[in-house]
Amino acid sequence: YQHYKLAFETQDELIRSLAIIGEMSQGNVMTRSILLQSTKIFSELTEAEECSIFLLNSAGVVIESMLARGSVKREEERILIGEILDKGLAGWVVSKRQVGLIQDTMKDDRWLNLPYQPYSVRSALCVPILKASTLIGILTLTHSQPQHFSQETGEILAAIGRSLALMLDNILAN
């Protein structure tokens, strides 16, 4: 019961936050603000140490992103995202359209350690942000301790992500 209560409270907070952002900004600023607020809320809910999010267009191309490592040069960001989608957990989630859970990154080859990664990752949870069967985005949460995340947490985030997908899809359509 507590998990569901927390999920509904989180979803409510996300919707209220996004409504406020929508009233105060527009275009690319609004999109980035929504992604930033979403990563903050999902990180707090799961006690994740790091979080990244990718927003995709209808062709599956990343059109906006926030990397866990923070701001990087555009070319470096393009290369990192390409590697992550080609060889990492996020790429697995794109192909499977389901939650990807890694309990221990040292024992799962879906995890890709990136060069000069400024943080340690031992567990990861990657959630598709879906509107029906259309992939709108990918959220990846990480923690330095193994077995930090659970499949149940992933399913709760996927449910909340469906609400987020509707909002993001609406923004992209305008």
N, C-alpha and C. Protein backbone atom coordinates (compact mmCIF):
# COMPACT_ATOMS: atom_id res chain seq x y z
N TYR A 1 0.82 -1.20 0.00
CA TYR A 1 0.00 0.00 0.00
C TYR A 1 0.86 1.26 0.00
N GLN A 2 1.91 1.27 0.81
CA GLN A 2 2.78 2.45 0.91
C GLN A 2 3.40 2.80 -0.43
N HIS A 3 3.80 1.77 -1.19
CA HIS A 3 4.40 2.01 -2.51
C HIS A 3 3.42 2.72 -3.44
N TYR A 4 2.17 2.26 -3.42
CA TYR A 4 1.17 2.87 -4.30
C TYR A 4 0.84 4.29 -3.86
N LYS A 5 0.74 4.49 -2.56
CA LYS A 5 0.48 5.83 -2.04
C LYS A 5 1.59 6.78 -2.46
N LEU A 6 2.83 6.33 -2.30
CA LEU A 6 3.98 7.14 -2.69
C LEU A 6 3.98 7.41 -4.19
N ALA A 7 3.61 6.42 -4.97
CA ALA A 7 3.55 6.60 -6.42
C ALA A 7 2.51 7.65 -6.80
N PHE A 8 1.34 7.59 -6.20
CA PHE A 8 0.30 8.58 -6.50
C PHE A 8 0.70 9.97 -6.04
N GLU A 9 1.33 10.06 -4.88
CA GLU A 9 1.81 11.36 -4.40
C GLU A 9 2.87 11.93 -5.34
N THR A 10 3.76 11.06 -5.80
CA THR A 10 4.81 11.49 -6.72
C THR A 10 4.21 11.94 -8.05
N GLN A 11 3.26 11.17 -8.54
CA GLN A 11 2.61 11.53 -9.79
C GLN A 11 1.89 12.87 -9.65
N ASP A 12 1.23 13.08 -8.53
CA ASP A 12 0.55 14.35 -8.28
C ASP A 12 1.55 15.50 -8.25
N GLU A 13 2.67 15.30 -7.55
CA GLU A 13 3.71 16.34 -7.49
C GLU A 13 4.26 16.64 -8.88
N LEU A 14 4.49 15.60 -9.66
CA LEU A 14 5.01 15.77 -11.01
C LEU A 14 4.03 16.58 -11.87
N ILE A 15 2.77 16.22 -11.82
CA ILE A 15 1.76 16.92 -12.62
C ILE A 15 1.64 18.38 -12.20
N ARG A 16 1.60 18.64 -10.89
CA ARG A 16 1.52 20.03 -10.42
C ARG A 16 2.75 20.83 -10.84
N SER A 17 3.93 20.23 -10.69
CA SER A 17 5.16 20.92 -11.07
C SER A 17 5.19 21.23 -12.56
N LEU A 18 4.77 20.27 -13.35
CA LEU A 18 4.80 20.46 -14.80
C LEU A 18 3.76 21.47 -15.26
N ALA A 19 2.63 21.52 -14.57
CA ALA A 19 1.62 22.53 -14.91
C ALA A 19 2.16 23.93 -14.64
N ILE A 20 2.85 24.10 -13.52
CA ILE A 20 3.45 25.40 -13.19
C ILE A 20 4.50 25.77 -14.22
N ILE A 21 5.35 24.82 -14.56
CA ILE A 21 6.40 25.07 -15.57
C ILE A 21 5.75 25.47 -16.89
N GLY A 22 4.68 24.77 -17.26
CA GLY A 22 4.00 25.06 -18.51
C GLY A 22 3.43 26.46 -18.57
N GLU A 23 2.99 26.97 -17.43
CA GLU A 23 2.45 28.33 -17.37
C GLU A 23 3.55 29.38 -17.44
N MET A 24 4.75 29.03 -17.01
CA MET A 24 5.81 30.02 -16.86
C MET A 24 6.81 30.05 -18.01
N SER A 25 6.82 29.02 -18.84
CA SER A 25 7.83 28.98 -19.90
C SER A 25 7.24 28.36 -21.15
N GLN A 26 8.03 28.37 -22.22
CA GLN A 26 7.57 27.80 -23.47
C GLN A 26 8.75 27.27 -24.28
N GLY A 27 8.43 26.44 -25.26
CA GLY A 27 9.44 25.93 -26.18
C GLY A 27 10.51 25.10 -25.50
N ASN A 28 11.75 25.30 -25.95
CA ASN A 28 12.89 24.52 -25.46
C ASN A 28 13.13 24.73 -23.97
N VAL A 29 12.90 25.94 -23.48
CA VAL A 29 13.08 26.22 -22.05
C VAL A 29 12.10 25.38 -21.24
N MET A 30 10.85 25.29 -21.71
CA MET A 30 9.85 24.50 -21.00
C MET A 30 10.24 23.02 -21.02
N THR A 31 10.67 22.52 -22.16
CA THR A 31 11.06 21.12 -22.27
C THR A 31 12.19 20.79 -21.30
N ARG A 32 13.23 21.61 -21.30
CA ARG A 32 14.36 21.36 -20.39
C ARG A 32 13.94 21.47 -18.93
N SER A 33 13.07 22.42 -18.63
CA SER A 33 12.58 22.58 -17.25
C SER A 33 11.80 21.35 -16.81
N ILE A 34 10.99 20.82 -17.69
CA ILE A 34 10.22 19.61 -17.38
C ILE A 34 11.15 18.42 -17.17
N LEU A 35 12.14 18.27 -18.03
CA LEU A 35 13.09 17.17 -17.87
C LEU A 35 13.85 17.30 -16.56
N LEU A 36 14.29 18.51 -16.24
CA LEU A 36 15.02 18.74 -14.99
C LEU A 36 14.15 18.42 -13.78
N GLN A 37 12.93 18.91 -13.77
CA GLN A 37 12.02 18.65 -12.65
C GLN A 37 11.70 17.16 -12.54
N SER A 38 11.53 16.51 -13.67
CA SER A 38 11.23 15.07 -13.68
C SER A 38 12.38 14.28 -13.08
N THR A 39 13.61 14.60 -13.48
CA THR A 39 14.76 13.86 -12.93
C THR A 39 14.87 14.09 -11.42
N LYS A 40 14.58 15.30 -10.98
CA LYS A 40 14.63 15.61 -9.55
C LYS A 40 13.60 14.78 -8.78
N ILE A 41 12.37 14.75 -9.27
CA ILE A 41 11.30 14.01 -8.59
C ILE A 41 11.58 12.51 -8.58
N PHE A 42 11.98 11.95 -9.72
CA PHE A 42 12.26 10.52 -9.79
C PHE A 42 13.46 10.15 -8.91
N SER A 43 14.46 11.01 -8.87
CA SER A 43 15.63 10.75 -8.02
C SER A 43 15.26 10.75 -6.55
N GLU A 44 14.45 11.71 -6.15
CA GLU A 44 14.02 11.78 -4.75
C GLU A 44 13.19 10.56 -4.38
N LEU A 45 12.28 10.16 -5.25
CA LEU A 45 11.41 9.02 -4.99
C LEU A 45 12.22 7.74 -4.76
N THR A 46 13.27 7.55 -5.54
CA THR A 46 14.04 6.30 -5.49
C THR A 46 15.33 6.39 -4.68
N GLU A 47 15.64 7.61 -4.21
CA GLU A 47 16.91 7.87 -3.54
C GLU A 47 18.10 7.54 -4.44
N ALA A 48 17.91 7.79 -5.74
CA ALA A 48 18.99 7.60 -6.70
C ALA A 48 20.04 8.68 -6.49
N GLU A 49 21.28 8.33 -6.78
CA GLU A 49 22.37 9.31 -6.66
C GLU A 49 22.56 10.10 -7.95
N GLU A 50 22.29 9.47 -9.07
CA GLU A 50 22.44 10.14 -10.37
C GLU A 50 21.24 9.78 -11.23
N CYS A 51 20.96 10.65 -12.18
CA CYS A 51 19.82 10.43 -13.07
C CYS A 51 20.10 11.08 -14.42
N SER A 52 19.72 10.40 -15.48
CA SER A 52 19.77 11.00 -16.81
C SER A 52 18.44 10.73 -17.50
N ILE A 53 18.14 11.59 -18.46
CA ILE A 53 16.90 11.42 -19.21
C ILE A 53 17.14 11.83 -20.65
N PHE A 54 16.58 11.04 -21.57
CA PHE A 54 16.65 11.33 -23.00
C PHE A 54 15.22 11.50 -23.50
N LEU A 55 15.00 12.51 -24.31
CA LEU A 55 13.72 12.73 -24.97
C LEU A 55 13.91 12.40 -26.44
N LEU A 56 13.00 11.58 -26.99
CA LEU A 56 13.14 11.11 -28.37
C LEU A 56 12.03 11.64 -29.26
N ASN A 57 12.36 11.83 -30.53
CA ASN A 57 11.31 12.20 -31.49
C ASN A 57 10.66 10.93 -32.03
N SER A 58 9.73 11.09 -32.96
CA SER A 58 8.99 9.93 -33.48
C SER A 58 9.88 8.95 -34.25
N ALA A 59 11.05 9.41 -34.70
CA ALA A 59 11.99 8.53 -35.41
C ALA A 59 12.95 7.83 -34.44
N GLY A 60 12.81 8.11 -33.14
CA GLY A 60 13.68 7.49 -32.15
C GLY A 60 15.01 8.19 -31.96
N VAL A 61 15.12 9.41 -32.47
CA VAL A 61 16.35 10.19 -32.35
C VAL A 61 16.27 11.05 -31.09
N VAL A 62 17.35 11.09 -30.32
CA VAL A 62 17.38 11.91 -29.11
C VAL A 62 17.38 13.38 -29.52
N ILE A 63 16.37 14.11 -29.05
CA ILE A 63 16.25 15.53 -29.39
C ILE A 63 16.56 16.43 -28.20
N GLU A 64 16.55 15.87 -27.01
CA GLU A 64 16.90 16.63 -25.80
C GLU A 64 17.39 15.63 -24.77
N SER A 65 18.35 16.06 -23.96
CA SER A 65 18.87 15.14 -22.95
C SER A 65 19.42 15.90 -21.76
N MET A 66 19.48 15.19 -20.66
CA MET A 66 20.17 15.66 -19.46
C MET A 66 20.98 14.46 -18.98
N LEU A 67 22.29 14.61 -19.04
CA LEU A 67 23.18 13.52 -18.65
C LEU A 67 23.49 13.60 -17.16
N ALA A 68 23.67 12.44 -16.55
CA ALA A 68 24.02 12.39 -15.13
C ALA A 68 25.33 13.12 -14.85
N ARG A 69 26.23 13.11 -15.80
CA ARG A 69 27.53 13.74 -15.60
C ARG A 69 27.47 15.25 -15.71
N GLY A 70 26.30 15.81 -16.04
CA GLY A 70 26.16 17.25 -16.16
C GLY A 70 26.43 17.72 -17.57
N SER A 71 26.67 19.00 -17.70
CA SER A 71 26.87 19.60 -19.02
C SER A 71 28.20 19.17 -19.63
N VAL A 72 28.13 18.83 -20.89
CA VAL A 72 29.34 18.51 -21.67
C VAL A 72 29.19 19.19 -23.03
N LYS A 73 30.28 19.25 -23.76
CA LYS A 73 30.23 19.83 -25.10
C LYS A 73 29.28 19.02 -25.97
N ARG A 74 28.62 19.71 -26.89
CA ARG A 74 27.60 19.08 -27.73
C ARG A 74 28.13 17.83 -28.45
N GLU A 75 29.32 17.90 -29.00
CA GLU A 75 29.89 16.76 -29.73
C GLU A 75 30.15 15.59 -28.79
N GLU A 76 30.68 15.87 -27.60
CA GLU A 76 30.92 14.81 -26.61
C GLU A 76 29.60 14.19 -26.18
N GLU A 77 28.58 15.02 -25.98
CA GLU A 77 27.26 14.53 -25.60
C GLU A 77 26.71 13.61 -26.68
N ARG A 78 26.84 13.99 -27.93
CA ARG A 78 26.35 13.18 -29.05
C ARG A 78 27.02 11.81 -29.07
N ILE A 79 28.34 11.79 -28.84
CA ILE A 79 29.09 10.54 -28.82
C ILE A 79 28.67 9.67 -27.64
N LEU A 80 28.56 10.27 -26.46
CA LEU A 80 28.15 9.52 -25.26
C LEU A 80 26.77 8.90 -25.44
N ILE A 81 25.83 9.70 -25.91
CA ILE A 81 24.47 9.19 -26.11
C ILE A 81 24.46 8.07 -27.14
N GLY A 82 25.22 8.21 -28.19
CA GLY A 82 25.32 7.16 -29.20
C GLY A 82 25.83 5.86 -28.61
N GLU A 83 26.88 5.94 -27.80
CA GLU A 83 27.42 4.73 -27.15
C GLU A 83 26.40 4.10 -26.21
N ILE A 84 25.75 4.94 -25.41
CA ILE A 84 24.77 4.45 -24.44
C ILE A 84 23.63 3.73 -25.15
N LEU A 85 23.14 4.31 -26.23
CA LEU A 85 22.03 3.70 -26.96
C LEU A 85 22.47 2.49 -27.78
N ASP A 86 23.73 2.46 -28.16
CA ASP A 86 24.24 1.34 -28.95
C ASP A 86 24.62 0.14 -28.08
N LYS A 87 25.27 0.41 -26.94
CA LYS A 87 25.86 -0.68 -26.15
C LYS A 87 25.37 -0.78 -24.72
N GLY A 88 24.59 0.18 -24.24
CA GLY A 88 24.24 0.23 -22.83
C GLY A 88 22.82 -0.21 -22.50
N LEU A 89 22.49 -0.05 -21.23
CA LEU A 89 21.17 -0.43 -20.72
C LEU A 89 20.06 0.36 -21.41
N ALA A 90 20.28 1.64 -21.66
CA ALA A 90 19.26 2.45 -22.33
C ALA A 90 18.94 1.89 -23.72
N GLY A 91 19.94 1.42 -24.42
CA GLY A 91 19.72 0.79 -25.72
C GLY A 91 18.89 -0.48 -25.60
N TRP A 92 19.15 -1.24 -24.54
CA TRP A 92 18.38 -2.45 -24.27
C TRP A 92 16.92 -2.08 -24.04
N VAL A 93 16.70 -1.02 -23.25
CA VAL A 93 15.33 -0.57 -22.96
C VAL A 93 14.64 -0.09 -24.23
N VAL A 94 15.37 0.60 -25.10
CA VAL A 94 14.79 1.05 -26.37
C VAL A 94 14.32 -0.16 -27.18
N SER A 95 15.12 -1.19 -27.26
CA SER A 95 14.75 -2.35 -28.08
C SER A 95 13.65 -3.20 -27.45
N LYS A 96 13.64 -3.31 -26.13
CA LYS A 96 12.66 -4.16 -25.44
C LYS A 96 11.38 -3.43 -25.05
N ARG A 97 11.47 -2.09 -24.92
CA ARG A 97 10.33 -1.28 -24.48
C ARG A 97 9.82 -1.73 -23.11
N GLN A 98 10.76 -2.08 -22.23
CA GLN A 98 10.39 -2.49 -20.87
C GLN A 98 11.44 -1.99 -19.89
N VAL A 99 11.09 -2.01 -18.61
CA VAL A 99 12.00 -1.56 -17.56
C VAL A 99 13.25 -2.43 -17.56
N GLY A 100 14.40 -1.79 -17.45
CA GLY A 100 15.68 -2.49 -17.33
C GLY A 100 16.24 -2.30 -15.94
N LEU A 101 16.42 -3.38 -15.22
CA LEU A 101 16.94 -3.34 -13.86
C LEU A 101 18.27 -4.07 -13.81
N ILE A 102 19.29 -3.41 -13.28
CA ILE A 102 20.58 -4.06 -13.05
C ILE A 102 20.87 -3.98 -11.56
N GLN A 103 20.91 -5.13 -10.93
CA GLN A 103 21.18 -5.18 -9.49
C GLN A 103 22.65 -4.95 -9.17
N ASP A 104 23.53 -5.42 -10.06
CA ASP A 104 24.97 -5.23 -9.86
C ASP A 104 25.63 -5.05 -11.23
N THR A 105 26.10 -3.84 -11.48
CA THR A 105 26.67 -3.52 -12.79
C THR A 105 27.93 -4.33 -13.09
N MET A 106 28.58 -4.85 -12.05
CA MET A 106 29.79 -5.65 -12.28
C MET A 106 29.45 -7.05 -12.80
N LYS A 107 28.17 -7.42 -12.71
CA LYS A 107 27.76 -8.76 -13.13
C LYS A 107 26.77 -8.75 -14.29
N ASP A 108 26.58 -7.60 -14.92
CA ASP A 108 25.59 -7.49 -15.99
C ASP A 108 26.20 -6.72 -17.16
N ASP A 109 26.29 -7.38 -18.30
CA ASP A 109 26.97 -6.74 -19.44
C ASP A 109 26.11 -5.69 -20.15
N ARG A 110 24.89 -5.47 -19.70
CA ARG A 110 24.09 -4.38 -20.27
C ARG A 110 24.58 -3.02 -19.77
N TRP A 111 25.36 -3.01 -18.67
CA TRP A 111 25.86 -1.74 -18.15
C TRP A 111 27.13 -1.36 -18.88
N LEU A 112 27.21 -0.11 -19.28
CA LEU A 112 28.36 0.41 -20.00
C LEU A 112 29.02 1.48 -19.13
N ASN A 113 30.24 1.20 -18.68
CA ASN A 113 31.01 2.22 -17.97
C ASN A 113 31.62 3.14 -19.01
N LEU A 114 31.35 4.42 -18.86
CA LEU A 114 31.81 5.40 -19.84
C LEU A 114 33.17 5.96 -19.45
N PRO A 115 33.94 6.42 -20.42
CA PRO A 115 35.24 7.02 -20.11
C PRO A 115 35.06 8.26 -19.22
N TYR A 116 35.94 8.39 -18.27
CA TYR A 116 35.95 9.55 -17.37
C TYR A 116 34.62 9.76 -16.65
N GLN A 117 33.95 8.67 -16.35
CA GLN A 117 32.68 8.75 -15.64
C GLN A 117 32.92 9.33 -14.25
N PRO A 118 32.29 10.45 -13.90
CA PRO A 118 32.59 11.14 -12.64
C PRO A 118 31.85 10.59 -11.42
N TYR A 119 31.30 9.40 -11.53
CA TYR A 119 30.55 8.81 -10.42
C TYR A 119 30.65 7.29 -10.53
N SER A 120 30.36 6.63 -9.42
CA SER A 120 30.41 5.17 -9.37
C SER A 120 28.99 4.61 -9.48
N VAL A 121 28.83 3.57 -10.29
CA VAL A 121 27.52 2.95 -10.46
C VAL A 121 27.63 1.46 -10.17
N ARG A 122 26.80 0.98 -9.25
CA ARG A 122 26.73 -0.46 -8.99
C ARG A 122 25.33 -1.00 -9.24
N SER A 123 24.31 -0.14 -9.18
CA SER A 123 22.97 -0.58 -9.55
C SER A 123 22.32 0.49 -10.42
N ALA A 124 21.46 0.03 -11.32
CA ALA A 124 20.83 0.96 -12.27
C ALA A 124 19.40 0.51 -12.58
N LEU A 125 18.58 1.50 -12.82
CA LEU A 125 17.20 1.27 -13.21
C LEU A 125 16.91 2.18 -14.39
N CYS A 126 16.49 1.59 -15.49
CA CYS A 126 16.23 2.35 -16.71
C CYS A 126 14.77 2.12 -17.10
N VAL A 127 14.04 3.22 -17.27
CA VAL A 127 12.60 3.15 -17.47
C VAL A 127 12.22 3.79 -18.80
N PRO A 128 11.47 3.06 -19.63
CA PRO A 128 10.98 3.69 -20.86
C PRO A 128 9.82 4.63 -20.52
N ILE A 129 9.81 5.77 -21.17
CA ILE A 129 8.69 6.70 -21.01
C ILE A 129 7.84 6.51 -22.27
N LEU A 130 6.73 5.81 -22.09
CA LEU A 130 5.92 5.36 -23.22
C LEU A 130 4.55 6.02 -23.26
N LYS A 131 4.13 6.39 -24.45
CA LYS A 131 2.74 6.78 -24.70
C LYS A 131 2.20 5.69 -25.61
N ALA A 132 1.38 4.82 -25.04
CA ALA A 132 0.95 3.58 -25.70
C ALA A 132 2.22 2.80 -26.04
N SER A 133 2.47 2.53 -27.32
CA SER A 133 3.69 1.79 -27.67
C SER A 133 4.78 2.70 -28.20
N THR A 134 4.53 4.01 -28.20
CA THR A 134 5.51 4.97 -28.71
C THR A 134 6.46 5.40 -27.60
N LEU A 135 7.74 5.23 -27.87
CA LEU A 135 8.76 5.61 -26.89
C LEU A 135 9.03 7.10 -27.00
N ILE A 136 8.74 7.83 -25.93
CA ILE A 136 8.91 9.28 -25.87
C ILE A 136 10.26 9.62 -25.24
N GLY A 137 10.68 8.79 -24.27
CA GLY A 137 11.93 9.08 -23.57
C GLY A 137 12.45 7.89 -22.80
N ILE A 138 13.62 8.08 -22.22
CA ILE A 138 14.28 7.05 -21.42
C ILE A 138 14.84 7.72 -20.18
N LEU A 139 14.51 7.18 -19.03
CA LEU A 139 14.99 7.68 -17.75
C LEU A 139 15.91 6.63 -17.15
N THR A 140 17.12 7.04 -16.76
CA THR A 140 18.06 6.11 -16.13
C THR A 140 18.46 6.66 -14.77
N LEU A 141 18.27 5.83 -13.73
CA LEU A 141 18.64 6.18 -12.36
C LEU A 141 19.75 5.25 -11.92
N THR A 142 20.71 5.79 -11.17
CA THR A 142 21.83 4.96 -10.72
C THR A 142 22.13 5.19 -9.25
N HIS A 143 22.83 4.21 -8.68
CA HIS A 143 23.25 4.28 -7.28
C HIS A 143 24.59 3.56 -7.15
N SER A 144 25.40 4.02 -6.20
CA SER A 144 26.74 3.44 -6.02
C SER A 144 26.72 2.10 -5.28
N GLN A 145 25.59 1.74 -4.70
CA GLN A 145 25.48 0.46 -3.99
C GLN A 145 24.72 -0.55 -4.85
N PRO A 146 25.15 -1.81 -4.86
CA PRO A 146 24.40 -2.82 -5.60
C PRO A 146 23.03 -3.06 -4.96
N GLN A 147 22.10 -3.51 -5.76
CA GLN A 147 20.75 -3.89 -5.33
C GLN A 147 19.97 -2.76 -4.66
N HIS A 148 20.21 -1.55 -5.12
CA HIS A 148 19.49 -0.41 -4.56
C HIS A 148 18.05 -0.33 -5.08
N PHE A 149 17.83 -0.72 -6.33
CA PHE A 149 16.52 -0.60 -6.97
C PHE A 149 15.83 -1.96 -7.03
N SER A 150 14.51 -1.94 -7.19
CA SER A 150 13.75 -3.18 -7.33
C SER A 150 12.89 -3.14 -8.59
N GLN A 151 12.44 -4.30 -9.01
CA GLN A 151 11.55 -4.37 -10.17
C GLN A 151 10.24 -3.64 -9.87
N GLU A 152 9.77 -3.74 -8.64
CA GLU A 152 8.54 -3.04 -8.25
C GLU A 152 8.69 -1.53 -8.41
N THR A 153 9.84 -1.00 -7.98
CA THR A 153 10.11 0.42 -8.15
C THR A 153 10.09 0.78 -9.63
N GLY A 154 10.68 -0.06 -10.45
CA GLY A 154 10.68 0.18 -11.89
C GLY A 154 9.28 0.22 -12.47
N GLU A 155 8.42 -0.68 -12.02
CA GLU A 155 7.05 -0.71 -12.53
C GLU A 155 6.27 0.53 -12.08
N ILE A 156 6.51 0.98 -10.85
CA ILE A 156 5.86 2.21 -10.37
C ILE A 156 6.32 3.40 -11.20
N LEU A 157 7.63 3.49 -11.46
CA LEU A 157 8.14 4.60 -12.27
C LEU A 157 7.61 4.54 -13.69
N ALA A 158 7.45 3.34 -14.23
CA ALA A 158 6.90 3.20 -15.58
C ALA A 158 5.47 3.73 -15.62
N ALA A 159 4.70 3.46 -14.57
CA ALA A 159 3.32 3.97 -14.50
C ALA A 159 3.31 5.49 -14.44
N ILE A 160 4.17 6.06 -13.61
CA ILE A 160 4.27 7.51 -13.51
C ILE A 160 4.77 8.08 -14.84
N GLY A 161 5.69 7.36 -15.47
CA GLY A 161 6.24 7.79 -16.75
C GLY A 161 5.20 7.91 -17.84
N ARG A 162 4.13 7.12 -17.76
CA ARG A 162 3.07 7.22 -18.76
C ARG A 162 2.39 8.59 -18.70
N SER A 163 2.22 9.12 -17.48
CA SER A 163 1.67 10.48 -17.35
C SER A 163 2.64 11.51 -17.91
N LEU A 164 3.91 11.32 -17.60
CA LEU A 164 4.94 12.21 -18.12
C LEU A 164 4.97 12.17 -19.65
N ALA A 165 4.81 10.98 -20.21
CA ALA A 165 4.82 10.83 -21.67
C ALA A 165 3.70 11.63 -22.33
N LEU A 166 2.54 11.63 -21.72
CA LEU A 166 1.42 12.40 -22.28
C LEU A 166 1.75 13.89 -22.30
N MET A 167 2.34 14.38 -21.22
CA MET A 167 2.70 15.80 -21.15
C MET A 167 3.79 16.14 -22.16
N LEU A 168 4.82 15.31 -22.23
CA LEU A 168 5.92 15.57 -23.16
C LEU A 168 5.44 15.49 -24.61
N ASP A 169 4.59 14.52 -24.89
CA ASP A 169 4.06 14.37 -26.25
C ASP A 169 3.25 15.61 -26.64
N ASN A 170 2.49 16.14 -25.69
CA ASN A 170 1.71 17.34 -25.94
C ASN A 170 2.61 18.54 -26.23
N ILE A 171 3.70 18.66 -25.48
CA ILE A 171 4.65 19.75 -25.69
C ILE A 171 5.31 19.63 -27.06
N LEU A 172 5.72 18.41 -27.42
CA LEU A 172 6.39 18.19 -28.70
C LEU A 172 5.46 18.44 -29.88
N ALA A 173 4.16 18.22 -29.68
CA ALA A 173 3.20 18.42 -30.75
C ALA A 173 2.95 19.91 -31.03
N ASN A 174 3.24 20.76 -30.04
CA ASN A 174 2.99 22.20 -30.20
C ASN A 174 4.20 22.96 -30.66
